[in-house]
Amino acid sequence: MLRVSMRAANLVSNALEYGAGKPVEVAFVVVVGFKDGKISHEHIYWDQACVLVQLGLLDPAGLPVSGPESARKVLDPRLPTRRM
């Protein structure tokens, strides 16, 4: 599990240009498989809705979505959980 903090910049999709320069925090889970001592595959999981909320492209009202607090909770599970 890792947490990444960055500023949205140089985004591939033109739809996300709106969020350029905004701070974004997101947690990632990376699952890596090995075979014969070599990496055979990897799966990267992240919360796309969390990023869209932080970029202002998704309104979290009424949705089971969190913003940067979900990434912060990865590092500190004692933080409160957002009520949905």
PDB file of N, CA and C in Angstrom:
ATOM      1  N   MET A   1       0.854  -1.161   0.000  1.00  0.00           N
ATOM      2  CA  MET A   1       0.000   0.000   0.000  1.00  0.00           C
ATOM      3  C   MET A   1       0.903   1.228   0.000  1.00  0.00           C
ATOM      4  N   LEU A   2       0.561   2.192  -0.815  1.00  0.00           N
ATOM      5  CA  LEU A   2       1.305   3.438  -0.797  1.00  0.00           C
ATOM      6  C   LEU A   2       0.361   4.605  -0.997  1.00  0.00           C
ATOM      7  N   ARG A   3       0.803   5.760  -0.546  1.00  0.00           N
ATOM      8  CA  ARG A   3       0.025   6.988  -0.685  1.00  0.00           C
ATOM      9  C   ARG A   3       0.851   7.956  -1.503  1.00  0.00           C
ATOM     10  N   VAL A   4       0.223   8.565  -2.490  1.00  0.00           N
ATOM     11  CA  VAL A   4       0.908   9.505  -3.366  1.00  0.00           C
ATOM     12  C   VAL A   4       0.263  10.866  -3.215  1.00  0.00           C
ATOM     13  N   SER A   5       1.087  11.886  -3.099  1.00  0.00           N
ATOM     14  CA  SER A   5       0.623  13.263  -3.047  1.00  0.00           C
ATOM     15  C   SER A   5       1.287  13.994  -4.208  1.00  0.00           C
ATOM     16  N   MET A   6       0.489  14.676  -5.032  1.00  0.00           N
ATOM     17  CA  MET A   6       1.039  15.332  -6.220  1.00  0.00           C
ATOM     18  C   MET A   6       0.171  16.515  -6.603  1.00  0.00           C
ATOM     19  N   ARG A   7       0.609  17.233  -7.598  1.00  0.00           N
ATOM     20  CA  ARG A   7      -0.207  18.279  -8.202  1.00  0.00           C
ATOM     21  C   ARG A   7      -0.581  17.802  -9.594  1.00  0.00           C
ATOM     22  N   ALA A   8      -1.836  17.975  -9.936  1.00  0.00           N
ATOM     23  CA  ALA A   8      -2.302  17.549 -11.256  1.00  0.00           C
ATOM     24  C   ALA A   8      -1.649  18.416 -12.321  1.00  0.00           C
ATOM     25  N   ALA A   9      -0.901  17.803 -13.205  1.00  0.00           N
ATOM     26  CA  ALA A   9      -0.224  18.536 -14.278  1.00  0.00           C
ATOM     27  C   ALA A   9       0.070  17.569 -15.421  1.00  0.00           C
ATOM     28  N   ASN A  10       0.148  18.102 -16.594  1.00  0.00           N
ATOM     29  CA  ASN A  10       0.482  17.295 -17.761  1.00  0.00           C
ATOM     30  C   ASN A  10      -0.391  16.048 -17.870  1.00  0.00           C
ATOM     31  N   LEU A  11      -1.679  16.228 -17.633  1.00  0.00           N
ATOM     32  CA  LEU A  11      -2.592  15.098 -17.687  1.00  0.00           C
ATOM     33  C   LEU A  11      -2.858  14.706 -19.132  1.00  0.00           C
ATOM     34  N   VAL A  12      -2.946  13.420 -19.371  1.00  0.00           N
ATOM     35  CA  VAL A  12      -3.113  12.911 -20.726  1.00  0.00           C
ATOM     36  C   VAL A  12      -4.465  13.307 -21.305  1.00  0.00           C
ATOM     37  N   SER A  13      -5.518  13.179 -20.513  1.00  0.00           N
ATOM     38  CA  SER A  13      -6.861  13.438 -21.006  1.00  0.00           C
ATOM     39  C   SER A  13      -7.190  14.930 -20.964  1.00  0.00           C
ATOM     40  N   ASN A  14      -7.676  15.461 -22.063  1.00  0.00           N
ATOM     41  CA  ASN A  14      -8.080  16.862 -22.102  1.00  0.00           C
ATOM     42  C   ASN A  14      -9.218  17.134 -21.129  1.00  0.00           C
ATOM     43  N   ALA A  15     -10.004  16.113 -20.811  1.00  0.00           N
ATOM     44  CA  ALA A  15     -11.120  16.281 -19.885  1.00  0.00           C
ATOM     45  C   ALA A  15     -10.627  16.645 -18.495  1.00  0.00           C
ATOM     46  N   LEU A  16      -9.388  16.295 -18.167  1.00  0.00           N
ATOM     47  CA  LEU A  16      -8.867  16.568 -16.830  1.00  0.00           C
ATOM     48  C   LEU A  16      -8.038  17.847 -16.765  1.00  0.00           C
ATOM     49  N   GLU A  17      -7.928  18.582 -17.846  1.00  0.00           N
ATOM     50  CA  GLU A  17      -7.148  19.820 -17.825  1.00  0.00           C
ATOM     51  C   GLU A  17      -7.703  20.808 -16.805  1.00  0.00           C
ATOM     52  N   TYR A  18      -8.984  20.709 -16.518  1.00  0.00           N
ATOM     53  CA  TYR A  18      -9.619  21.585 -15.538  1.00  0.00           C
ATOM     54  C   TYR A  18      -8.894  21.521 -14.199  1.00  0.00           C
ATOM     55  N   GLY A  19      -8.405  20.356 -13.843  1.00  0.00           N
ATOM     56  CA  GLY A  19      -7.781  20.165 -12.538  1.00  0.00           C
ATOM     57  C   GLY A  19      -6.293  20.445 -12.499  1.00  0.00           C
ATOM     58  N   ALA A  20      -5.691  20.904 -13.569  1.00  0.00           N
ATOM     59  CA  ALA A  20      -4.248  21.129 -13.613  1.00  0.00           C
ATOM     60  C   ALA A  20      -3.808  22.069 -12.499  1.00  0.00           C
ATOM     61  N   GLY A  21      -2.783  21.664 -11.769  1.00  0.00           N
ATOM     62  CA  GLY A  21      -2.217  22.462 -10.691  1.00  0.00           C
ATOM     63  C   GLY A  21      -2.850  22.234  -9.340  1.00  0.00           C
ATOM     64  N   LYS A  22      -3.956  21.500  -9.282  1.00  0.00           N
ATOM     65  CA  LYS A  22      -4.600  21.239  -7.995  1.00  0.00           C
ATOM     66  C   LYS A  22      -3.881  20.109  -7.276  1.00  0.00           C
ATOM     67  N   PRO A  23      -3.778  20.195  -5.934  1.00  0.00           N
ATOM     68  CA  PRO A  23      -3.147  19.105  -5.187  1.00  0.00           C
ATOM     69  C   PRO A  23      -4.058  17.878  -5.173  1.00  0.00           C
ATOM     70  N   VAL A  24      -3.452  16.703  -5.285  1.00  0.00           N
ATOM     71  CA  VAL A  24      -4.183  15.441  -5.288  1.00  0.00           C
ATOM     72  C   VAL A  24      -3.455  14.459  -4.379  1.00  0.00           C
ATOM     73  N   GLU A  25      -4.209  13.786  -3.521  1.00  0.00           N
ATOM     74  CA  GLU A  25      -3.667  12.715  -2.687  1.00  0.00           C
ATOM     75  C   GLU A  25      -4.488  11.474  -2.975  1.00  0.00           C
ATOM     76  N   VAL A  26      -3.810  10.363  -3.223  1.00  0.00           N
ATOM     77  CA  VAL A  26      -4.523   9.121  -3.532  1.00  0.00           C
ATOM     78  C   VAL A  26      -3.713   7.930  -3.018  1.00  0.00           C
ATOM     79  N   ALA A  27      -4.421   6.916  -2.546  1.00  0.00           N
ATOM     80  CA  ALA A  27      -3.777   5.684  -2.096  1.00  0.00           C
ATOM     81  C   ALA A  27      -3.765   4.683  -3.252  1.00  0.00           C
ATOM     82  N   PHE A  28      -2.691   3.947  -3.358  1.00  0.00           N
ATOM     83  CA  PHE A  28      -2.553   2.901  -4.364  1.00  0.00           C
ATOM     84  C   PHE A  28      -2.303   1.573  -3.670  1.00  0.00           C
ATOM     85  N   VAL A  29      -2.792   0.515  -4.256  1.00  0.00           N
ATOM     86  CA  VAL A  29      -2.433  -0.840  -3.848  1.00  0.00           C
ATOM     87  C   VAL A  29      -1.810  -1.482  -5.077  1.00  0.00           C
ATOM     88  N   VAL A  30      -0.607  -2.003  -4.913  1.00  0.00           N
ATOM     89  CA  VAL A  30       0.087  -2.648  -6.019  1.00  0.00           C
ATOM     90  C   VAL A  30       0.311  -4.107  -5.647  1.00  0.00           C
ATOM     91  N   VAL A  31      -0.217  -4.999  -6.471  1.00  0.00           N
ATOM     92  CA  VAL A  31      -0.040  -6.434  -6.271  1.00  0.00           C
ATOM     93  C   VAL A  31       0.892  -6.929  -7.371  1.00  0.00           C
ATOM     94  N   VAL A  32       2.004  -7.511  -6.961  1.00  0.00           N
ATOM     95  CA  VAL A  32       3.004  -7.978  -7.919  1.00  0.00           C
ATOM     96  C   VAL A  32       3.157  -9.484  -7.778  1.00  0.00           C
ATOM     97  N   GLY A  33       3.099 -10.179  -8.909  1.00  0.00           N
ATOM     98  CA  GLY A  33       3.290 -11.627  -8.914  1.00  0.00           C
ATOM     99  C   GLY A  33       4.668 -11.976  -9.450  1.00  0.00           C
ATOM    100  N   PHE A  34       5.242 -13.029  -8.900  1.00  0.00           N
ATOM    101  CA  PHE A  34       6.572 -13.473  -9.324  1.00  0.00           C
ATOM    102  C   PHE A  34       6.506 -14.914  -9.812  1.00  0.00           C
ATOM    103  N   LYS A  35       7.306 -15.217 -10.814  1.00  0.00           N
ATOM    104  CA  LYS A  35       7.430 -16.574 -11.318  1.00  0.00           C
ATOM    105  C   LYS A  35       8.890 -16.795 -11.685  1.00  0.00           C
ATOM    106  N   ASP A  36       9.469 -17.832 -11.146  1.00  0.00           N
ATOM    107  CA  ASP A  36      10.887 -18.141 -11.395  1.00  0.00           C
ATOM    108  C   ASP A  36      11.789 -16.957 -11.036  1.00  0.00           C
ATOM    109  N   GLY A  37      11.450 -16.247  -9.957  1.00  0.00           N
ATOM    110  CA  GLY A  37      12.279 -15.151  -9.487  1.00  0.00           C
ATOM    111  C   GLY A  37      12.157 -13.857 -10.276  1.00  0.00           C
ATOM    112  N   LYS A  38      11.211 -13.809 -11.216  1.00  0.00           N
ATOM    113  CA  LYS A  38      11.020 -12.603 -12.014  1.00  0.00           C
ATOM    114  C   LYS A  38       9.579 -12.122 -11.878  1.00  0.00           C
ATOM    115  N   ILE A  39       9.387 -10.835 -12.076  1.00  0.00           N
ATOM    116  CA  ILE A  39       8.032 -10.288 -12.026  1.00  0.00           C
ATOM    117  C   ILE A  39       7.245 -10.850 -13.206  1.00  0.00           C
ATOM    118  N   SER A  40       6.119 -11.483 -12.909  1.00  0.00           N
ATOM    119  CA  SER A  40       5.282 -12.044 -13.977  1.00  0.00           C
ATOM    120  C   SER A  40       4.073 -11.165 -14.279  1.00  0.00           C
ATOM    121  N   HIS A  41       3.629 -10.394 -13.287  1.00  0.00           N
ATOM    122  CA  HIS A  41       2.510  -9.490 -13.517  1.00  0.00           C
ATOM    123  C   HIS A  41       2.394  -8.501 -12.367  1.00  0.00           C
ATOM    124  N   GLU A  42       1.659  -7.432 -12.628  1.00  0.00           N
ATOM    125  CA  GLU A  42       1.352  -6.474 -11.575  1.00  0.00           C
ATOM    126  C   GLU A  42      -0.040  -5.918 -11.807  1.00  0.00           C
ATOM    127  N   HIS A  43      -0.711  -5.633 -10.730  1.00  0.00           N
ATOM    128  CA  HIS A  43      -2.040  -5.030 -10.774  1.00  0.00           C
ATOM    129  C   HIS A  43      -1.997  -3.810  -9.872  1.00  0.00           C
ATOM    130  N   ILE A  44      -2.418  -2.673 -10.392  1.00  0.00           N
ATOM    131  CA  ILE A  44      -2.403  -1.428  -9.632  1.00  0.00           C
ATOM    132  C   ILE A  44      -3.852  -0.988  -9.446  1.00  0.00           C
ATOM    133  N   TYR A  45      -4.227  -0.811  -8.188  1.00  0.00           N
ATOM    134  CA  TYR A  45      -5.583  -0.403  -7.849  1.00  0.00           C
ATOM    135  C   TYR A  45      -5.540   0.987  -7.217  1.00  0.00           C
ATOM    136  N   TRP A  46      -6.455   1.868  -7.641  1.00  0.00           N
ATOM    137  CA  TRP A  46      -6.550   3.199  -7.057  1.00  0.00           C
ATOM    138  C   TRP A  46      -7.973   3.693  -7.234  1.00  0.00           C
ATOM    139  N   ASP A  47      -8.337   4.646  -6.415  1.00  0.00           N
ATOM    140  CA  ASP A  47      -9.704   5.157  -6.375  1.00  0.00           C
ATOM    141  C   ASP A  47      -9.837   6.343  -7.329  1.00  0.00           C
ATOM    142  N   GLN A  48     -10.343   6.082  -8.521  1.00  0.00           N
ATOM    143  CA  GLN A  48     -10.483   7.136  -9.517  1.00  0.00           C
ATOM    144  C   GLN A  48     -11.464   8.215  -9.069  1.00  0.00           C
ATOM    145  N   ALA A  49     -12.533   7.808  -8.388  1.00  0.00           N
ATOM    146  CA  ALA A  49     -13.522   8.788  -7.925  1.00  0.00           C
ATOM    147  C   ALA A  49     -12.895   9.757  -6.931  1.00  0.00           C
ATOM    148  N   CYS A  50     -11.994   9.258  -6.087  1.00  0.00           N
ATOM    149  CA  CYS A  50     -11.298  10.110  -5.111  1.00  0.00           C
ATOM    150  C   CYS A  50     -10.519  11.212  -5.841  1.00  0.00           C
ATOM    151  N   VAL A  51      -9.870  10.863  -6.927  1.00  0.00           N
ATOM    152  CA  VAL A  51      -9.105  11.838  -7.704  1.00  0.00           C
ATOM    153  C   VAL A  51     -10.046  12.839  -8.371  1.00  0.00           C
ATOM    154  N   LEU A  52     -11.146  12.355  -8.952  1.00  0.00           N
ATOM    155  CA  LEU A  52     -12.092  13.255  -9.619  1.00  0.00           C
ATOM    156  C   LEU A  52     -12.721  14.246  -8.648  1.00  0.00           C
ATOM    157  N   VAL A  53     -12.982  13.808  -7.410  1.00  0.00           N
ATOM    158  CA  VAL A  53     -13.516  14.718  -6.383  1.00  0.00           C
ATOM    159  C   VAL A  53     -12.504  15.819  -6.103  1.00  0.00           C
ATOM    160  N   GLN A  54     -11.237  15.454  -5.953  1.00  0.00           N
ATOM    161  CA  GLN A  54     -10.203  16.434  -5.628  1.00  0.00           C
ATOM    162  C   GLN A  54      -9.947  17.410  -6.774  1.00  0.00           C
ATOM    163  N   LEU A  55     -10.186  16.974  -8.001  1.00  0.00           N
ATOM    164  CA  LEU A  55     -10.001  17.857  -9.156  1.00  0.00           C
ATOM    165  C   LEU A  55     -11.233  18.712  -9.412  1.00  0.00           C
ATOM    166  N   GLY A  56     -12.293  18.487  -8.634  1.00  0.00           N
ATOM    167  CA  GLY A  56     -13.512  19.261  -8.803  1.00  0.00           C
ATOM    168  C   GLY A  56     -14.376  18.787  -9.958  1.00  0.00           C
ATOM    169  N   LEU A  57     -14.155  17.566 -10.420  1.00  0.00           N
ATOM    170  CA  LEU A  57     -14.888  17.027 -11.558  1.00  0.00           C
ATOM    171  C   LEU A  57     -16.008  16.085 -11.147  1.00  0.00           C
ATOM    172  N   LEU A  58     -16.136  15.813  -9.849  1.00  0.00           N
ATOM    173  CA  LEU A  58     -17.188  14.934  -9.349  1.00  0.00           C
ATOM    174  C   LEU A  58     -17.663  15.475  -8.008  1.00  0.00           C
ATOM    175  N   ASP A  59     -18.963  15.658  -7.869  1.00  0.00           N
ATOM    176  CA  ASP A  59     -19.549  16.127  -6.617  1.00  0.00           C
ATOM    177  C   ASP A  59     -19.793  14.915  -5.727  1.00  0.00           C
ATOM    178  N   PRO A  60     -19.165  14.853  -4.546  1.00  0.00           N
ATOM    179  CA  PRO A  60     -19.304  13.679  -3.685  1.00  0.00           C
ATOM    180  C   PRO A  60     -20.635  13.604  -2.948  1.00  0.00           C
ATOM    181  N   ALA A  61     -21.449  14.642  -3.027  1.00  0.00           N
ATOM    182  CA  ALA A  61     -22.723  14.653  -2.298  1.00  0.00           C
ATOM    183  C   ALA A  61     -23.583  13.466  -2.716  1.00  0.00           C
ATOM    184  N   GLY A  62     -23.960  12.669  -1.736  1.00  0.00           N
ATOM    185  CA  GLY A  62     -24.827  11.527  -1.985  1.00  0.00           C
ATOM    186  C   GLY A  62     -24.141  10.309  -2.573  1.00  0.00           C
ATOM    187  N   LEU A  63     -22.836  10.384  -2.770  1.00  0.00           N
ATOM    188  CA  LEU A  63     -22.091   9.252  -3.328  1.00  0.00           C
ATOM    189  C   LEU A  63     -21.174   8.646  -2.270  1.00  0.00           C
ATOM    190  N   PRO A  64     -20.892   7.360  -2.371  1.00  0.00           N
ATOM    191  CA  PRO A  64     -19.953   6.729  -1.432  1.00  0.00           C
ATOM    192  C   PRO A  64     -18.507   7.013  -1.858  1.00  0.00           C
ATOM    193  N   VAL A  65     -18.146   8.296  -1.845  1.00  0.00           N
ATOM    194  CA  VAL A  65     -16.845   8.740  -2.341  1.00  0.00           C
ATOM    195  C   VAL A  65     -16.189   9.630  -1.295  1.00  0.00           C
ATOM    196  N   SER A  66     -14.892   9.544  -1.180  1.00  0.00           N
ATOM    197  CA  SER A  66     -14.132  10.414  -0.286  1.00  0.00           C
ATOM    198  C   SER A  66     -13.107  11.181  -1.101  1.00  0.00           C
ATOM    199  N   GLY A  67     -12.552  12.206  -0.497  1.00  0.00           N
ATOM    200  CA  GLY A  67     -11.494  12.978  -1.130  1.00  0.00           C
ATOM    201  C   GLY A  67     -10.145  12.566  -0.568  1.00  0.00           C
ATOM    202  N   PRO A  68      -9.265  13.516  -0.305  1.00  0.00           N
ATOM    203  CA  PRO A  68      -7.913  13.188   0.158  1.00  0.00           C
ATOM    204  C   PRO A  68      -7.882  12.519   1.528  1.00  0.00           C
ATOM    205  N   GLU A  69      -8.977  12.654   2.301  1.00  0.00           N
ATOM    206  CA  GLU A  69      -8.976  12.027   3.628  1.00  0.00           C
ATOM    207  C   GLU A  69      -8.855  10.511   3.544  1.00  0.00           C
ATOM    208  N   SER A  70      -9.306   9.908   2.452  1.00  0.00           N
ATOM    209  CA  SER A  70      -9.176   8.455   2.320  1.00  0.00           C
ATOM    210  C   SER A  70      -7.710   8.056   2.148  1.00  0.00           C
ATOM    211  N   ALA A  71      -6.933   8.854   1.429  1.00  0.00           N
ATOM    212  CA  ALA A  71      -5.500   8.576   1.279  1.00  0.00           C
ATOM    213  C   ALA A  71      -4.771   8.796   2.596  1.00  0.00           C
ATOM    214  N   ARG A  72      -5.160   9.820   3.337  1.00  0.00           N
ATOM    215  CA  ARG A  72      -4.523  10.097   4.633  1.00  0.00           C
ATOM    216  C   ARG A  72      -4.820   8.993   5.634  1.00  0.00           C
ATOM    217  N   LYS A  73      -6.001   8.408   5.539  1.00  0.00           N
ATOM    218  CA  LYS A  73      -6.399   7.341   6.466  1.00  0.00           C
ATOM    219  C   LYS A  73      -5.548   6.084   6.260  1.00  0.00           C
ATOM    220  N   VAL A  74      -4.999   5.900   5.075  1.00  0.00           N
ATOM    221  CA  VAL A  74      -4.107   4.763   4.816  1.00  0.00           C
ATOM    222  C   VAL A  74      -2.900   4.832   5.749  1.00  0.00           C
ATOM    223  N   LEU A  75      -2.388   6.052   5.940  1.00  0.00           N
ATOM    224  CA  LEU A  75      -1.219   6.225   6.811  1.00  0.00           C
ATOM    225  C   LEU A  75      -1.586   6.262   8.283  1.00  0.00           C
ATOM    226  N   ASP A  76      -2.785   6.713   8.604  1.00  0.00           N
ATOM    227  CA  ASP A  76      -3.211   6.827   9.997  1.00  0.00           C
ATOM    228  C   ASP A  76      -4.640   6.315  10.151  1.00  0.00           C
ATOM    229  N   PRO A  77      -4.808   5.009  10.422  1.00  0.00           N
ATOM    230  CA  PRO A  77      -6.148   4.421  10.525  1.00  0.00           C
ATOM    231  C   PRO A  77      -6.979   4.994  11.673  1.00  0.00           C
ATOM    232  N   ARG A  78      -6.354   5.760  12.569  1.00  0.00           N
ATOM    233  CA  ARG A  78      -7.105   6.370  13.674  1.00  0.00           C
ATOM    234  C   ARG A  78      -7.940   7.560  13.211  1.00  0.00           C
ATOM    235  N   LEU A  79      -7.672   8.066  12.020  1.00  0.00           N
ATOM    236  CA  LEU A  79      -8.465   9.198  11.507  1.00  0.00           C
ATOM    237  C   LEU A  79      -9.917   8.768  11.349  1.00  0.00           C
ATOM    238  N   PRO A  80     -10.839   9.720  11.506  1.00  0.00           N
ATOM    239  CA  PRO A  80     -12.262   9.366  11.395  1.00  0.00           C
ATOM    240  C   PRO A  80     -12.642   8.961   9.975  1.00  0.00           C
ATOM    241  N   THR A  81     -13.621   8.096   9.885  1.00  0.00           N
ATOM    242  CA  THR A  81     -14.147   7.651   8.592  1.00  0.00           C
ATOM    243  C   THR A  81     -15.242   8.612   8.162  1.00  0.00           C
ATOM    244  N   ARG A  82     -15.266   8.940   6.882  1.00  0.00           N
ATOM    245  CA  ARG A  82     -16.296   9.839   6.358  1.00  0.00           C
ATOM    246  C   ARG A  82     -17.646   9.139   6.407  1.00  0.00           C
ATOM    247  N   ARG A  83     -18.633   9.838   6.914  1.00  0.00           N
ATOM    248  CA  ARG A  83     -19.987   9.292   6.932  1.00  0.00           C
ATOM    249  C   ARG A  83     -20.591   9.456   5.549  1.00  0.00           C
ATOM    250  N   MET A  84     -21.201   8.399   5.058  1.00  0.00           N
ATOM    251  CA  MET A  84     -21.804   8.410   3.717  1.00  0.00           C
ATOM    252  C   MET A  84     -23.284   8.704   3.825  1.00  0.00           C
TER     253      MET A  84
END
